[in-house]
Amino acid sequence: MARPKPWHVEDELWAVIEPLLPKMERRARHPGRKRQPDRLVFQGILFVLHTGISWEHLPQELGFGSGMTCWRRLAEWTEADVWPRLHEVLLAKLRGANALDFSRAAVDGSHIRALKGGSKTGRSPVDRGRAGSKHHLITDATGIPLAVTLTGGNRNDVTQLIPLLEAVPPVRGKRGRPRRRPDVVLGDRGYDHDKYRRLVWSLGVKPMIARRGTEHGSGLGTQRWVVERAFAHPHWFRRLRIRWEVRDDIHEAFLRLACALICWRRLRSSCGQP
């Protein structure tokens, strides 16, 4: 049997997504053209995310609707906060399956080019001053993305340490209070600043950050490599390798959707499904 395409939305995933989508009532008078089904449009958005194709070149024969229809629906769902809520729901399912490890978290940043500019871009010091953006990621001990932020390419990684910790949603899935903070957060030398260590402690999290000027071999790399590996997963989606969107909220929508899909795949594998 042929393997399904990655933009194909299975029934189990759609059962999670559909309740989160805003309901649009059709007008009784002058209803206009019938709205393209949400599931097909969502598959069109996934097609763009996976292939990196431009919206105007979305193949009509796929039946997902026009590229502009998919773009408008993406903007509509982004405004309705669908992607953070989807990520939160999947994190809860992972915790309920004992697949989420809050004993420690790891943070890191990764630069990408922003060929069309826009907000949350900047002259990157690692790319000859070209315009770029940064993806900042925090993962659990196993590499599952807990939260992600977007900044200009000129921003220092350490400035996103507290925003990342605060962006982790309250994760339910088990009886008792939801879990939001890891016990420990790991960072490389780019996060070495005593001010931020104090801020991390104030959140009830222990900072384990390598000191500048010290020799390699601190042992942190044996634990924080998971976040470096984790960046390979969102960047596997071709639309996230280069920032094409001028609007930062649309690029962030793709980024958060990719994190949610990574959580879904981890959930399926933890349940023994291929």
Protein backbone atom coordinates (compact mmCIF):
# COMPACT_ATOMS: atom_id res chain seq x y z
CA MET A 1 0.00 0.00 0.00
CA ALA A 2 1.31 3.43 -0.94
CA ARG A 3 2.50 5.58 1.93
CA PRO A 4 0.23 8.62 2.49
CA LYS A 5 1.59 12.03 1.60
CA PRO A 6 2.71 14.15 4.57
CA TRP A 7 0.02 16.74 3.85
CA HIS A 8 -2.71 14.13 4.07
CA VAL A 9 -4.73 14.72 7.26
CA GLU A 10 -5.75 11.49 8.93
CA ASP A 11 -9.04 11.18 10.77
CA GLU A 12 -7.41 11.00 14.22
CA LEU A 13 -5.52 14.26 13.69
CA TRP A 14 -8.54 16.01 12.21
CA ALA A 15 -10.60 15.00 15.26
CA VAL A 16 -8.13 17.02 17.36
CA ILE A 17 -7.95 20.04 15.04
CA GLU A 18 -11.58 20.50 13.98
CA PRO A 19 -13.00 21.52 17.42
CA LEU A 20 -10.37 24.29 17.64
CA LEU A 21 -11.36 25.98 14.38
CA PRO A 22 -13.72 28.97 14.50
CA LYS A 23 -17.20 28.22 13.20
CA MET A 24 -18.33 30.41 10.32
CA GLU A 25 -22.09 30.63 9.87
CA ARG A 26 -23.23 31.01 6.30
CA ARG A 27 -25.53 33.94 5.69
CA ALA A 28 -29.14 33.01 4.97
CA ARG A 29 -29.52 35.91 2.58
CA HIS A 30 -27.00 36.44 -0.21
CA PRO A 31 -24.82 33.54 0.99
CA GLY A 32 -22.40 33.81 -1.93
CA ARG A 33 -20.09 31.04 -3.02
CA LYS A 34 -19.95 28.01 -0.76
CA ARG A 35 -16.95 28.00 1.55
CA GLN A 36 -14.18 25.51 0.76
CA PRO A 37 -14.19 22.69 3.37
CA ASP A 38 -11.79 23.38 6.23
CA ARG A 39 -10.13 19.98 6.00
CA LEU A 40 -9.18 20.44 2.36
CA VAL A 41 -7.90 23.96 3.00
CA PHE A 42 -5.85 22.72 5.94
CA GLN A 43 -4.26 20.13 3.65
CA GLY A 44 -3.43 22.95 1.23
CA ILE A 45 -1.68 24.83 4.05
CA LEU A 46 0.26 21.67 4.91
CA PHE A 47 1.21 21.25 1.25
CA VAL A 48 2.77 24.73 1.24
CA LEU A 49 4.48 24.09 4.60
CA HIS A 50 6.00 20.80 3.45
CA THR A 51 7.00 21.72 -0.09
CA GLY A 52 7.81 25.42 0.29
CA ILE A 53 5.86 26.20 -2.87
CA SER A 54 4.55 29.75 -3.27
CA TRP A 55 0.86 30.31 -2.61
CA GLU A 56 0.05 31.30 -6.18
CA HIS A 57 1.56 28.07 -7.50
CA LEU A 58 -0.53 25.75 -5.33
CA PRO A 59 -1.79 23.12 -7.85
CA GLN A 60 -5.54 23.45 -8.37
CA GLU A 61 -5.87 19.80 -9.35
CA LEU A 62 -5.17 18.79 -5.74
CA GLY A 63 -8.60 20.09 -4.77
CA PHE A 64 -7.39 22.18 -1.83
CA GLY A 65 -8.69 25.45 -3.23
CA SER A 66 -6.68 28.40 -4.47
CA GLY A 67 -3.51 29.55 -2.80
CA MET A 68 -5.23 32.78 -1.76
CA THR A 69 -8.05 30.82 -0.14
CA CYS A 70 -5.53 28.79 1.87
CA TRP A 71 -3.59 31.93 2.82
CA ARG A 72 -6.73 33.73 4.00
CA ARG A 73 -7.81 30.72 6.05
CA LEU A 74 -4.33 30.48 7.59
CA ALA A 75 -4.50 34.17 8.57
CA GLU A 76 -8.03 33.68 9.93
CA TRP A 77 -7.05 30.69 12.06
CA THR A 78 -3.88 32.44 13.22
CA GLU A 79 -5.92 35.39 14.45
CA ALA A 80 -8.15 32.91 16.33
CA ASP A 81 -5.07 31.45 18.14
CA VAL A 82 -5.67 27.97 16.71
CA TRP A 83 -2.00 26.94 16.55
CA PRO A 84 -0.99 27.65 20.19
CA ARG A 85 -4.14 25.85 21.37
CA LEU A 86 -3.44 22.88 19.08
CA HIS A 87 0.11 22.67 20.43
CA GLU A 88 -1.18 22.81 24.01
CA VAL A 89 -3.72 20.04 23.39
CA LEU A 90 -1.07 17.76 21.88
CA LEU A 91 1.37 18.45 24.71
CA ALA A 92 -1.35 17.41 27.16
CA LYS A 93 -1.88 14.17 25.24
CA LEU A 94 1.87 13.52 25.34
CA ARG A 95 1.97 14.10 29.08
CA GLY A 96 -0.99 11.80 29.55
CA ALA A 97 0.94 9.12 27.63
CA ASN A 98 4.00 9.64 29.89
CA ALA A 99 5.97 10.84 26.85
CA LEU A 100 6.84 14.31 28.19
CA ASP A 101 9.84 14.82 30.48
CA PHE A 102 9.87 18.07 32.49
CA SER A 103 12.91 17.09 34.54
CA ARG A 104 14.96 19.42 32.35
CA ALA A 105 14.56 21.62 29.28
CA ALA A 106 17.04 22.92 26.73
CA VAL A 107 17.06 26.20 24.78
CA ASP A 108 18.80 27.32 21.60
CA GLY A 109 18.40 29.59 18.58
CA SER A 110 18.79 29.07 14.85
CA HIS A 111 19.20 31.67 12.12
CA ILE A 112 17.33 31.68 8.80
CA ARG A 113 17.36 34.14 5.92
CA ALA A 114 14.47 36.54 5.37
CA LEU A 115 14.61 37.30 1.67
CA LYS A 116 11.63 39.68 1.64
CA GLY A 117 12.34 41.47 4.91
CA GLY A 118 9.48 42.43 7.17
CA SER A 119 9.06 42.82 10.91
CA LYS A 120 11.13 40.65 13.26
CA THR A 121 14.07 40.65 10.87
CA GLY A 122 17.54 42.14 11.32
CA ARG A 123 21.06 42.21 9.94
CA SER A 124 22.54 38.88 10.88
CA PRO A 125 26.12 38.88 12.25
CA VAL A 126 26.56 35.28 11.07
CA ASP A 127 25.37 35.88 7.48
CA ARG A 128 27.39 38.89 6.31
CA GLY A 129 24.81 41.33 7.56
CA ARG A 130 22.00 40.00 5.38
CA ALA A 131 18.42 40.30 6.60
CA GLY A 132 17.39 37.32 8.65
CA SER A 133 15.26 36.02 11.48
CA LYS A 134 15.89 33.65 14.36
CA HIS A 135 13.88 30.69 15.56
CA HIS A 136 14.22 30.25 19.33
CA LEU A 137 13.19 26.89 20.73
CA ILE A 138 12.76 25.26 24.13
CA THR A 139 12.34 21.48 24.33
CA ASP A 140 11.78 18.94 27.05
CA ALA A 141 14.48 16.44 28.01
CA THR A 142 13.68 14.25 24.98
CA GLY A 143 13.54 17.02 22.35
CA ILE A 144 9.78 17.62 22.18
CA PRO A 145 9.16 21.32 21.39
CA LEU A 146 7.49 23.09 24.31
CA ALA A 147 7.49 26.64 22.92
CA VAL A 148 8.99 28.68 20.08
CA THR A 149 9.55 32.39 19.43
CA LEU A 150 10.63 34.48 16.44
CA THR A 151 12.98 37.47 16.51
CA GLY A 152 15.22 39.43 14.19
CA GLY A 153 18.49 37.84 13.17
CA ASN A 154 20.44 40.46 15.12
CA ARG A 155 18.92 39.54 18.50
CA ASN A 156 21.05 37.74 21.05
CA ASP A 157 19.80 34.29 22.07
CA VAL A 158 19.87 35.17 25.76
CA THR A 159 17.15 37.81 25.30
CA GLN A 160 14.68 35.00 24.56
CA LEU A 161 15.52 32.81 27.55
CA ILE A 162 12.77 34.23 29.79
CA PRO A 163 10.20 34.67 26.96
CA LEU A 164 10.67 31.00 26.05
CA LEU A 165 10.15 29.82 29.61
CA GLU A 166 7.08 32.03 29.94
CA ALA A 167 5.73 30.83 26.58
CA VAL A 168 5.50 27.20 27.75
CA PRO A 169 1.75 26.62 28.15
CA PRO A 170 0.18 24.98 31.22
CA VAL A 171 0.33 21.32 30.20
CA ARG A 172 -2.50 19.16 31.50
CA GLY A 173 -2.99 15.48 30.76
CA LYS A 174 -2.71 14.18 34.32
CA ARG A 175 -4.59 14.67 37.54
CA GLY A 176 -3.59 17.64 39.61
CA ARG A 177 -2.23 21.01 38.64
CA PRO A 178 -0.97 21.46 35.06
CA ARG A 179 2.80 21.44 34.60
CA ARG A 180 4.39 24.56 33.12
CA ARG A 181 7.96 24.92 34.33
CA PRO A 182 10.81 22.41 33.92
CA ASP A 183 13.00 21.65 36.90
CA VAL A 184 16.19 22.70 35.09
CA VAL A 185 16.95 24.67 31.92
CA LEU A 186 20.15 24.01 29.96
CA GLY A 187 21.87 26.59 27.76
CA ASP A 188 25.18 27.03 25.96
CA ARG A 189 27.66 29.89 26.47
CA GLY A 190 25.46 32.28 24.53
CA TYR A 191 23.12 32.36 27.54
CA ASP A 192 25.89 33.10 30.07
CA HIS A 193 24.69 36.18 31.97
CA ASP A 194 24.15 36.42 35.73
CA LYS A 195 21.15 38.74 35.30
CA TYR A 196 19.29 36.04 33.37
CA ARG A 197 20.34 33.36 35.82
CA ARG A 198 18.62 35.34 38.56
CA LEU A 199 15.51 35.78 36.42
CA VAL A 200 15.39 32.03 35.72
CA TRP A 201 15.70 31.28 39.45
CA SER A 202 12.82 33.70 40.11
CA LEU A 203 10.59 31.49 37.93
CA GLY A 204 11.41 28.48 40.09
CA VAL A 205 13.72 26.92 37.50
CA LYS A 206 17.37 25.99 38.04
CA PRO A 207 19.68 27.42 35.32
CA MET A 208 22.50 25.20 34.09
CA ILE A 209 24.36 27.42 31.64
CA ALA A 210 27.94 27.00 30.45
CA ARG A 211 30.36 29.77 31.44
CA ARG A 212 32.24 31.76 28.83
CA GLY A 213 35.99 31.23 28.80
CA THR A 214 35.80 27.76 30.29
CA GLU A 215 37.09 24.71 28.50
CA HIS A 216 34.74 22.36 26.71
CA GLY A 217 33.77 19.23 28.57
CA SER A 218 31.28 20.66 31.06
CA GLY A 219 28.98 17.73 30.33
CA LEU A 220 26.03 19.94 29.35
CA GLY A 221 26.39 18.92 25.72
CA THR A 222 25.47 15.33 26.58
CA GLN A 223 22.07 16.61 27.73
CA ARG A 224 21.33 19.71 25.65
CA TRP A 225 22.10 18.15 22.26
CA VAL A 226 18.39 17.30 22.02
CA VAL A 227 17.48 20.91 21.24
CA GLU A 228 20.12 21.08 18.48
CA ARG A 229 18.67 17.90 17.00
CA ALA A 230 15.16 19.27 17.45
CA PHE A 231 15.86 22.14 15.06
CA ALA A 232 16.26 19.61 12.26
CA HIS A 233 12.58 18.67 12.59
CA PRO A 234 10.91 22.08 11.96
CA HIS A 235 13.53 22.90 9.33
CA TRP A 236 12.60 19.67 7.56
CA PHE A 237 9.53 21.64 6.48
CA ARG A 238 10.82 23.51 3.46
CA ARG A 239 8.73 26.62 4.12
CA LEU A 240 10.69 27.18 7.34
CA ARG A 241 14.20 26.92 5.89
CA ILE A 242 13.91 30.43 4.43
CA ARG A 243 11.48 33.07 5.61
CA TRP A 244 9.36 34.12 2.62
CA GLU A 245 6.57 35.82 4.58
CA VAL A 246 6.72 39.58 5.09
CA ARG A 247 4.14 39.25 7.85
CA ASP A 248 5.81 37.82 10.93
CA ASP A 249 2.53 36.37 12.28
CA ILE A 250 2.15 34.15 9.20
CA HIS A 251 5.71 32.82 9.54
CA GLU A 252 5.13 32.22 13.25
CA ALA A 253 1.93 30.38 12.37
CA PHE A 254 3.90 28.01 10.15
CA LEU A 255 6.49 27.61 12.92
CA ARG A 256 3.92 26.77 15.60
CA LEU A 257 2.01 24.47 13.28
CA ALA A 258 5.25 22.59 12.56
CA CYS A 259 5.87 22.17 16.32
CA ALA A 260 2.34 20.82 16.74
CA LEU A 261 2.88 18.32 13.90
CA ILE A 262 6.14 17.18 15.50
CA CYS A 263 4.24 16.57 18.76
CA TRP A 264 1.59 14.60 16.86
CA ARG A 265 4.22 12.36 15.28
CA ARG A 266 5.86 11.79 18.66
CA LEU A 267 2.47 10.95 20.15
CA ARG A 268 1.79 8.37 17.43
CA SER A 269 5.20 6.77 17.90
CA SER A 270 4.77 6.66 21.69
CA CYS A 271 1.48 4.83 21.16
CA GLY A 272 3.18 2.29 18.90
CA GLN A 273 1.66 3.59 15.65
CA PRO A 274 3.81 4.03 12.50
